[in-house]
Every structure is written in structure tokens, then in C-alpha cells.
Amino acid sequence: MNFSSSESETASVYLPAPAAFQTEMIVGQVFRQDVLGDIRKGWNGFVESGQIWALLAGIVVGYMLKSITSSH
């Protein structure tokens, strides 16, 4: 068999690099972090919607039921 030099050469194969050697840029969204402002908005909505009164009424009624049903 007569092989030419181009046929007898081995082809080099490029394998992907292991994950440890790969660098990728991960781009995420940037959020405005205002935790106290978010808590303030939630509290103001809680008060403006009238839920504060339901909370207070529930505390009073719950305390009254607890004192009625508890034995001394």
C-alpha cells in the first residue's frame, strides 16, 4: 500500500477544555435594593387598606377568647 504523506498524517482533534479551565461571563439583572423603602411601602399599604383595624380587632377578640377559655 502506498500512502501519501497527507493520508498518513493523523488529524488533530480539538477537544473542548475542561470546565475548570473555561471562563464564562454570567450577566444578571441589577436590582435597586431598597429594603427599608419596600417595608415602608408595604406598611403604608397595610394601613391605608384598613387591614390594621382587622389585625387589632383580631388581637382583642383573641385575647378575650383566651381569657374566657383558660382555667386559672
PDB file of N, CA and C in Angstrom:
ATOM      1  N   MET A   1       0.840  -1.166   0.000  1.00  0.00           N
ATOM      2  CA  MET A   1       0.000   0.000   0.000  1.00  0.00           C
ATOM      3  C   MET A   1       0.886   1.230   0.000  1.00  0.00           C
ATOM      4  N   ASN A   2       0.525   2.103  -0.824  1.00  0.00           N
ATOM      5  CA  ASN A   2       1.302   3.314  -0.945  1.00  0.00           C
ATOM      6  C   ASN A   2       0.455   4.475  -0.434  1.00  0.00           C
ATOM      7  N   PHE A   3       0.862   5.013   0.705  1.00  0.00           N
ATOM      8  CA  PHE A   3       0.126   6.141   1.279  1.00  0.00           C
ATOM      9  C   PHE A   3       0.913   7.412   1.025  1.00  0.00           C
ATOM     10  N   SER A   4       0.225   8.415   0.653  1.00  0.00           N
ATOM     11  CA  SER A   4       0.901   9.704   0.524  1.00  0.00           C
ATOM     12  C   SER A   4       1.065  10.313   1.912  1.00  0.00           C
ATOM     13  N   SER A   5       1.893  11.298   1.994  1.00  0.00           N
ATOM     14  CA  SER A   5       2.172  11.875   3.308  1.00  0.00           C
ATOM     15  C   SER A   5       0.930  12.536   3.911  1.00  0.00           C
ATOM     16  N   SER A   6       0.035  13.055   3.082  1.00  0.00           N
ATOM     17  CA  SER A   6      -1.151  13.714   3.609  1.00  0.00           C
ATOM     18  C   SER A   6      -2.140  12.697   4.177  1.00  0.00           C
ATOM     19  N   GLU A   7      -2.145  11.482   3.610  1.00  0.00           N
ATOM     20  CA  GLU A   7      -3.073  10.478   4.105  1.00  0.00           C
ATOM     21  C   GLU A   7      -2.571   9.835   5.387  1.00  0.00           C
ATOM     22  N   SER A   8      -1.283   9.749   5.579  1.00  0.00           N
ATOM     23  CA  SER A   8      -0.754   9.071   6.749  1.00  0.00           C
ATOM     24  C   SER A   8      -0.668   9.975   7.966  1.00  0.00           C
ATOM     25  N   GLU A   9      -0.847  11.268   7.782  1.00  0.00           N
ATOM     26  CA  GLU A   9      -0.800  12.166   8.933  1.00  0.00           C
ATOM     27  C   GLU A   9      -2.074  11.991   9.752  1.00  0.00           C
ATOM     28  N   THR A  10      -1.920  12.057  11.042  1.00  0.00           N
ATOM     29  CA  THR A  10      -3.103  11.955  11.896  1.00  0.00           C
ATOM     30  C   THR A  10      -3.729  13.326  12.039  1.00  0.00           C
ATOM     31  N   ALA A  11      -5.007  13.356  12.021  1.00  0.00           N
ATOM     32  CA  ALA A  11      -5.713  14.626  12.155  1.00  0.00           C
ATOM     33  C   ALA A  11      -5.769  15.004  13.626  1.00  0.00           C
ATOM     34  N   SER A  12      -5.485  16.233  13.902  1.00  0.00           N
ATOM     35  CA  SER A  12      -5.584  16.683  15.292  1.00  0.00           C
ATOM     36  C   SER A  12      -7.027  17.096  15.557  1.00  0.00           C
ATOM     37  N   VAL A  13      -7.500  16.691  16.686  1.00  0.00           N
ATOM     38  CA  VAL A  13      -8.882  16.977  17.064  1.00  0.00           C
ATOM     39  C   VAL A  13      -8.845  17.947  18.236  1.00  0.00           C
ATOM     40  N   TYR A  14      -9.607  19.006  18.112  1.00  0.00           N
ATOM     41  CA  TYR A  14      -9.680  19.982  19.196  1.00  0.00           C
ATOM     42  C   TYR A  14     -10.814  19.595  20.130  1.00  0.00           C
ATOM     43  N   LEU A  15     -10.465  19.255  21.343  1.00  0.00           N
ATOM     44  CA  LEU A  15     -11.463  18.902  22.340  1.00  0.00           C
ATOM     45  C   LEU A  15     -11.777  20.138  23.171  1.00  0.00           C
ATOM     46  N   PRO A  16     -12.993  20.244  23.634  1.00  0.00           N
ATOM     47  CA  PRO A  16     -13.299  21.389  24.490  1.00  0.00           C
ATOM     48  C   PRO A  16     -12.520  21.292  25.798  1.00  0.00           C
ATOM     49  N   ALA A  17     -12.173  22.431  26.322  1.00  0.00           N
ATOM     50  CA  ALA A  17     -11.415  22.476  27.571  1.00  0.00           C
ATOM     51  C   ALA A  17     -12.296  22.015  28.721  1.00  0.00           C
ATOM     52  N   PRO A  18     -11.706  21.421  29.746  1.00  0.00           N
ATOM     53  CA  PRO A  18     -12.498  21.039  30.925  1.00  0.00           C
ATOM     54  C   PRO A  18     -13.158  22.267  31.546  1.00  0.00           C
ATOM     55  N   ALA A  19     -14.205  22.018  32.278  1.00  0.00           N
ATOM     56  CA  ALA A  19     -14.984  23.120  32.859  1.00  0.00           C
ATOM     57  C   ALA A  19     -14.130  23.987  33.780  1.00  0.00           C
ATOM     58  N   ALA A  20     -13.124  23.418  34.397  1.00  0.00           N
ATOM     59  CA  ALA A  20     -12.292  24.192  35.313  1.00  0.00           C
ATOM     60  C   ALA A  20     -11.494  25.256  34.574  1.00  0.00           C
ATOM     61  N   PHE A  21     -11.244  25.055  33.293  1.00  0.00           N
ATOM     62  CA  PHE A  21     -10.441  25.993  32.536  1.00  0.00           C
ATOM     63  C   PHE A  21     -11.274  26.951  31.695  1.00  0.00           C
ATOM     64  N   GLN A  22     -12.560  26.761  31.678  1.00  0.00           N
ATOM     65  CA  GLN A  22     -13.419  27.633  30.886  1.00  0.00           C
ATOM     66  C   GLN A  22     -13.833  28.818  31.741  1.00  0.00           C
ATOM     67  N   THR A  23     -13.858  29.952  31.143  1.00  0.00           N
ATOM     68  CA  THR A  23     -14.344  31.138  31.833  1.00  0.00           C
ATOM     69  C   THR A  23     -15.541  31.658  31.066  1.00  0.00           C
ATOM     70  N   GLU A  24     -16.601  31.879  31.776  1.00  0.00           N
ATOM     71  CA  GLU A  24     -17.808  32.415  31.163  1.00  0.00           C
ATOM     72  C   GLU A  24     -18.252  33.612  31.969  1.00  0.00           C
ATOM     73  N   MET A  25     -18.777  34.579  31.287  1.00  0.00           N
ATOM     74  CA  MET A  25     -19.288  35.750  31.976  1.00  0.00           C
ATOM     75  C   MET A  25     -20.787  35.562  32.164  1.00  0.00           C
ATOM     76  N   ILE A  26     -21.216  35.620  33.378  1.00  0.00           N
ATOM     77  CA  ILE A  26     -22.635  35.492  33.684  1.00  0.00           C
ATOM     78  C   ILE A  26     -23.152  36.895  33.976  1.00  0.00           C
ATOM     79  N   VAL A  27     -24.097  37.297  33.193  1.00  0.00           N
ATOM     80  CA  VAL A  27     -24.640  38.638  33.325  1.00  0.00           C
ATOM     81  C   VAL A  27     -26.038  38.512  33.901  1.00  0.00           C
ATOM     82  N   GLY A  28     -26.277  39.197  34.977  1.00  0.00           N
ATOM     83  CA  GLY A  28     -27.592  39.179  35.602  1.00  0.00           C
ATOM     84  C   GLY A  28     -28.195  40.564  35.602  1.00  0.00           C
ATOM     85  N   GLN A  29     -29.386  40.631  36.061  1.00  0.00           N
ATOM     86  CA  GLN A  29     -30.036  41.919  36.150  1.00  0.00           C
ATOM     87  C   GLN A  29     -29.608  42.613  37.432  1.00  0.00           C
ATOM     88  N   VAL A  30     -29.527  43.902  37.363  1.00  0.00           N
ATOM     89  CA  VAL A  30     -29.184  44.696  38.531  1.00  0.00           C
ATOM     90  C   VAL A  30     -30.485  45.244  39.097  1.00  0.00           C
ATOM     91  N   PHE A  31     -30.700  44.985  40.366  1.00  0.00           N
ATOM     92  CA  PHE A  31     -31.919  45.446  41.006  1.00  0.00           C
ATOM     93  C   PHE A  31     -31.593  46.568  41.983  1.00  0.00           C
ATOM     94  N   ARG A  32     -32.501  47.482  42.114  1.00  0.00           N
ATOM     95  CA  ARG A  32     -32.358  48.559  43.084  1.00  0.00           C
ATOM     96  C   ARG A  32     -32.754  47.978  44.440  1.00  0.00           C
ATOM     97  N   GLN A  33     -31.813  47.912  45.343  1.00  0.00           N
ATOM     98  CA  GLN A  33     -32.050  47.312  46.644  1.00  0.00           C
ATOM     99  C   GLN A  33     -32.386  48.399  47.654  1.00  0.00           C
ATOM    100  N   ASP A  34     -33.652  48.553  47.946  1.00  0.00           N
ATOM    101  CA  ASP A  34     -34.102  49.497  48.964  1.00  0.00           C
ATOM    102  C   ASP A  34     -35.055  48.742  49.881  1.00  0.00           C
ATOM    103  N   VAL A  35     -34.475  47.945  50.768  1.00  0.00           N
ATOM    104  CA  VAL A  35     -35.274  47.054  51.607  1.00  0.00           C
ATOM    105  C   VAL A  35     -36.162  47.860  52.542  1.00  0.00           C
ATOM    106  N   LEU A  36     -35.605  48.861  53.194  1.00  0.00           N
ATOM    107  CA  LEU A  36     -36.419  49.657  54.126  1.00  0.00           C
ATOM    108  C   LEU A  36     -37.520  50.424  53.398  1.00  0.00           C
ATOM    109  N   GLY A  37     -37.235  50.881  52.189  1.00  0.00           N
ATOM    110  CA  GLY A  37     -38.267  51.552  51.400  1.00  0.00           C
ATOM    111  C   GLY A  37     -39.393  50.597  51.031  1.00  0.00           C
ATOM    112  N   ASP A  38     -39.037  49.349  50.703  1.00  0.00           N
ATOM    113  CA  ASP A  38     -40.058  48.346  50.384  1.00  0.00           C
ATOM    114  C   ASP A  38     -40.901  48.011  51.606  1.00  0.00           C
ATOM    115  N   ILE A  39     -40.272  47.926  52.786  1.00  0.00           N
ATOM    116  CA  ILE A  39     -41.023  47.660  54.022  1.00  0.00           C
ATOM    117  C   ILE A  39     -41.962  48.820  54.306  1.00  0.00           C
ATOM    118  N   ARG A  40     -41.480  50.053  54.109  1.00  0.00           N
ATOM    119  CA  ARG A  40     -42.320  51.228  54.346  1.00  0.00           C
ATOM    120  C   ARG A  40     -43.522  51.235  53.405  1.00  0.00           C
ATOM    121  N   LYS A  41     -43.302  50.895  52.128  1.00  0.00           N
ATOM    122  CA  LYS A  41     -44.424  50.849  51.172  1.00  0.00           C
ATOM    123  C   LYS A  41     -45.438  49.789  51.577  1.00  0.00           C
ATOM    124  N   GLY A  42     -44.948  48.639  52.023  1.00  0.00           N
ATOM    125  CA  GLY A  42     -45.853  47.571  52.462  1.00  0.00           C
ATOM    126  C   GLY A  42     -46.653  47.965  53.683  1.00  0.00           C
ATOM    127  N   TRP A  43     -45.997  48.608  54.637  1.00  0.00           N
ATOM    128  CA  TRP A  43     -46.691  49.045  55.860  1.00  0.00           C
ATOM    129  C   TRP A  43     -47.735  50.108  55.528  1.00  0.00           C
ATOM    130  N   ASN A  44     -47.370  51.069  54.670  1.00  0.00           N
ATOM    131  CA  ASN A  44     -48.335  52.111  54.295  1.00  0.00           C
ATOM    132  C   ASN A  44     -49.542  51.509  53.579  1.00  0.00           C
ATOM    133  N   GLY A  45     -49.330  50.546  52.723  1.00  0.00           N
ATOM    134  CA  GLY A  45     -50.449  49.873  52.062  1.00  0.00           C
ATOM    135  C   GLY A  45     -51.310  49.105  53.053  1.00  0.00           C
ATOM    136  N   PHE A  46     -50.649  48.502  54.061  1.00  0.00           N
ATOM    137  CA  PHE A  46     -51.362  47.760  55.110  1.00  0.00           C
ATOM    138  C   PHE A  46     -52.277  48.697  55.896  1.00  0.00           C
ATOM    139  N   VAL A  47     -51.776  49.871  56.222  1.00  0.00           N
ATOM    140  CA  VAL A  47     -52.564  50.837  56.992  1.00  0.00           C
ATOM    141  C   VAL A  47     -53.660  51.459  56.122  1.00  0.00           C
ATOM    142  N   GLU A  48     -53.306  51.854  54.891  1.00  0.00           N
ATOM    143  CA  GLU A  48     -54.289  52.521  54.018  1.00  0.00           C
ATOM    144  C   GLU A  48     -55.440  51.604  53.626  1.00  0.00           C
ATOM    145  N   SER A  49     -55.193  50.305  53.536  1.00  0.00           N
ATOM    146  CA  SER A  49     -56.265  49.387  53.138  1.00  0.00           C
ATOM    147  C   SER A  49     -57.192  49.033  54.297  1.00  0.00           C
ATOM    148  N   GLY A  50     -56.841  49.429  55.500  1.00  0.00           N
ATOM    149  CA  GLY A  50     -57.693  49.149  56.649  1.00  0.00           C
ATOM    150  C   GLY A  50     -57.414  47.813  57.308  1.00  0.00           C
ATOM    151  N   GLN A  51     -56.409  47.103  56.848  1.00  0.00           N
ATOM    152  CA  GLN A  51     -56.100  45.808  57.449  1.00  0.00           C
ATOM    153  C   GLN A  51     -55.549  45.943  58.856  1.00  0.00           C
ATOM    154  N   ILE A  52     -55.031  47.112  59.177  1.00  0.00           N
ATOM    155  CA  ILE A  52     -54.524  47.330  60.543  1.00  0.00           C
ATOM    156  C   ILE A  52     -55.655  47.183  61.552  1.00  0.00           C
ATOM    157  N   TRP A  53     -56.860  47.629  61.183  1.00  0.00           N
ATOM    158  CA  TRP A  53     -58.001  47.521  62.100  1.00  0.00           C
ATOM    159  C   TRP A  53     -58.434  46.064  62.263  1.00  0.00           C
ATOM    160  N   ALA A  54     -58.349  45.309  61.211  1.00  0.00           N
ATOM    161  CA  ALA A  54     -58.674  43.883  61.321  1.00  0.00           C
ATOM    162  C   ALA A  54     -57.648  43.175  62.213  1.00  0.00           C
ATOM    163  N   LEU A  55     -56.389  43.566  62.117  1.00  0.00           N
ATOM    164  CA  LEU A  55     -55.355  42.983  62.981  1.00  0.00           C
ATOM    165  C   LEU A  55     -55.623  43.315  64.442  1.00  0.00           C
ATOM    166  N   LEU A  56     -55.912  44.577  64.717  1.00  0.00           N
ATOM    167  CA  LEU A  56     -56.170  44.977  66.104  1.00  0.00           C
ATOM    168  C   LEU A  56     -57.425  44.307  66.659  1.00  0.00           C
ATOM    169  N   ALA A  57     -58.488  44.225  65.858  1.00  0.00           N
ATOM    170  CA  ALA A  57     -59.709  43.558  66.307  1.00  0.00           C
ATOM    171  C   ALA A  57     -59.434  42.078  66.567  1.00  0.00           C
ATOM    172  N   GLY A  58     -58.642  41.436  65.724  1.00  0.00           N
ATOM    173  CA  GLY A  58     -58.300  40.030  65.924  1.00  0.00           C
ATOM    174  C   GLY A  58     -57.495  39.809  67.187  1.00  0.00           C
ATOM    175  N   ILE A  59     -56.594  40.736  67.499  1.00  0.00           N
ATOM    176  CA  ILE A  59     -55.817  40.615  68.737  1.00  0.00           C
ATOM    177  C   ILE A  59     -56.726  40.742  69.952  1.00  0.00           C
ATOM    178  N   VAL A  60     -57.637  41.716  69.921  1.00  0.00           N
ATOM    179  CA  VAL A  60     -58.541  41.933  71.057  1.00  0.00           C
ATOM    180  C   VAL A  60     -59.487  40.744  71.232  1.00  0.00           C
ATOM    181  N   VAL A  61     -60.092  40.285  70.150  1.00  0.00           N
ATOM    182  CA  VAL A  61     -61.024  39.160  70.241  1.00  0.00           C
ATOM    183  C   VAL A  61     -60.281  37.892  70.662  1.00  0.00           C
ATOM    184  N   GLY A  62     -59.094  37.687  70.137  1.00  0.00           N
ATOM    185  CA  GLY A  62     -58.304  36.517  70.516  1.00  0.00           C
ATOM    186  C   GLY A  62     -57.928  36.529  71.979  1.00  0.00           C
ATOM    187  N   TYR A  63     -57.548  37.701  72.485  1.00  0.00           N
ATOM    188  CA  TYR A  63     -57.212  37.810  73.910  1.00  0.00           C
ATOM    189  C   TYR A  63     -58.440  37.544  74.776  1.00  0.00           C
ATOM    190  N   MET A  64     -59.610  38.055  74.347  1.00  0.00           N
ATOM    191  CA  MET A  64     -60.825  37.835  75.114  1.00  0.00           C
ATOM    192  C   MET A  64     -61.188  36.339  75.128  1.00  0.00           C
ATOM    193  N   LEU A  65     -61.083  35.666  73.965  1.00  0.00           N
ATOM    194  CA  LEU A  65     -61.388  34.232  73.922  1.00  0.00           C
ATOM    195  C   LEU A  65     -60.395  33.436  74.754  1.00  0.00           C
ATOM    196  N   LYS A  66     -59.144  33.838  74.762  1.00  0.00           N
ATOM    197  CA  LYS A  66     -58.142  33.145  75.546  1.00  0.00           C
ATOM    198  C   LYS A  66     -58.446  33.268  77.036  1.00  0.00           C
ATOM    199  N   SER A  67     -58.836  34.454  77.455  1.00  0.00           N
ATOM    200  CA  SER A  67     -59.109  34.635  78.873  1.00  0.00           C
ATOM    201  C   SER A  67     -60.411  33.953  79.282  1.00  0.00           C
ATOM    202  N   ILE A  68     -61.363  33.791  78.381  1.00  0.00           N
ATOM    203  CA  ILE A  68     -62.599  33.076  78.707  1.00  0.00           C
ATOM    204  C   ILE A  68     -62.338  31.572  78.817  1.00  0.00           C
ATOM    205  N   THR A  69     -61.548  31.045  77.890  1.00  0.00           N
ATOM    206  CA  THR A  69     -61.371  29.592  77.842  1.00  0.00           C
ATOM    207  C   THR A  69     -60.240  29.078  78.725  1.00  0.00           C
ATOM    208  N   SER A  70     -59.411  29.959  79.228  1.00  0.00           N
ATOM    209  CA  SER A  70     -58.301  29.475  80.064  1.00  0.00           C
ATOM    210  C   SER A  70     -58.789  29.232  81.481  1.00  0.00           C
ATOM    211  N   SER A  71     -58.239  28.205  82.107  1.00  0.00           N
ATOM    212  CA  SER A  71     -58.612  27.937  83.504  1.00  0.00           C
ATOM    213  C   SER A  71     -57.501  28.432  84.399  1.00  0.00           C
ATOM    214  N   HIS A  72     -57.883  28.966  85.531  1.00  0.00           N
ATOM    215  CA  HIS A  72     -56.903  29.514  86.473  1.00  0.00           C
ATOM    216  C   HIS A  72     -56.491  28.489  87.468  1.00  0.00           C
TER     217      HIS A  72
END
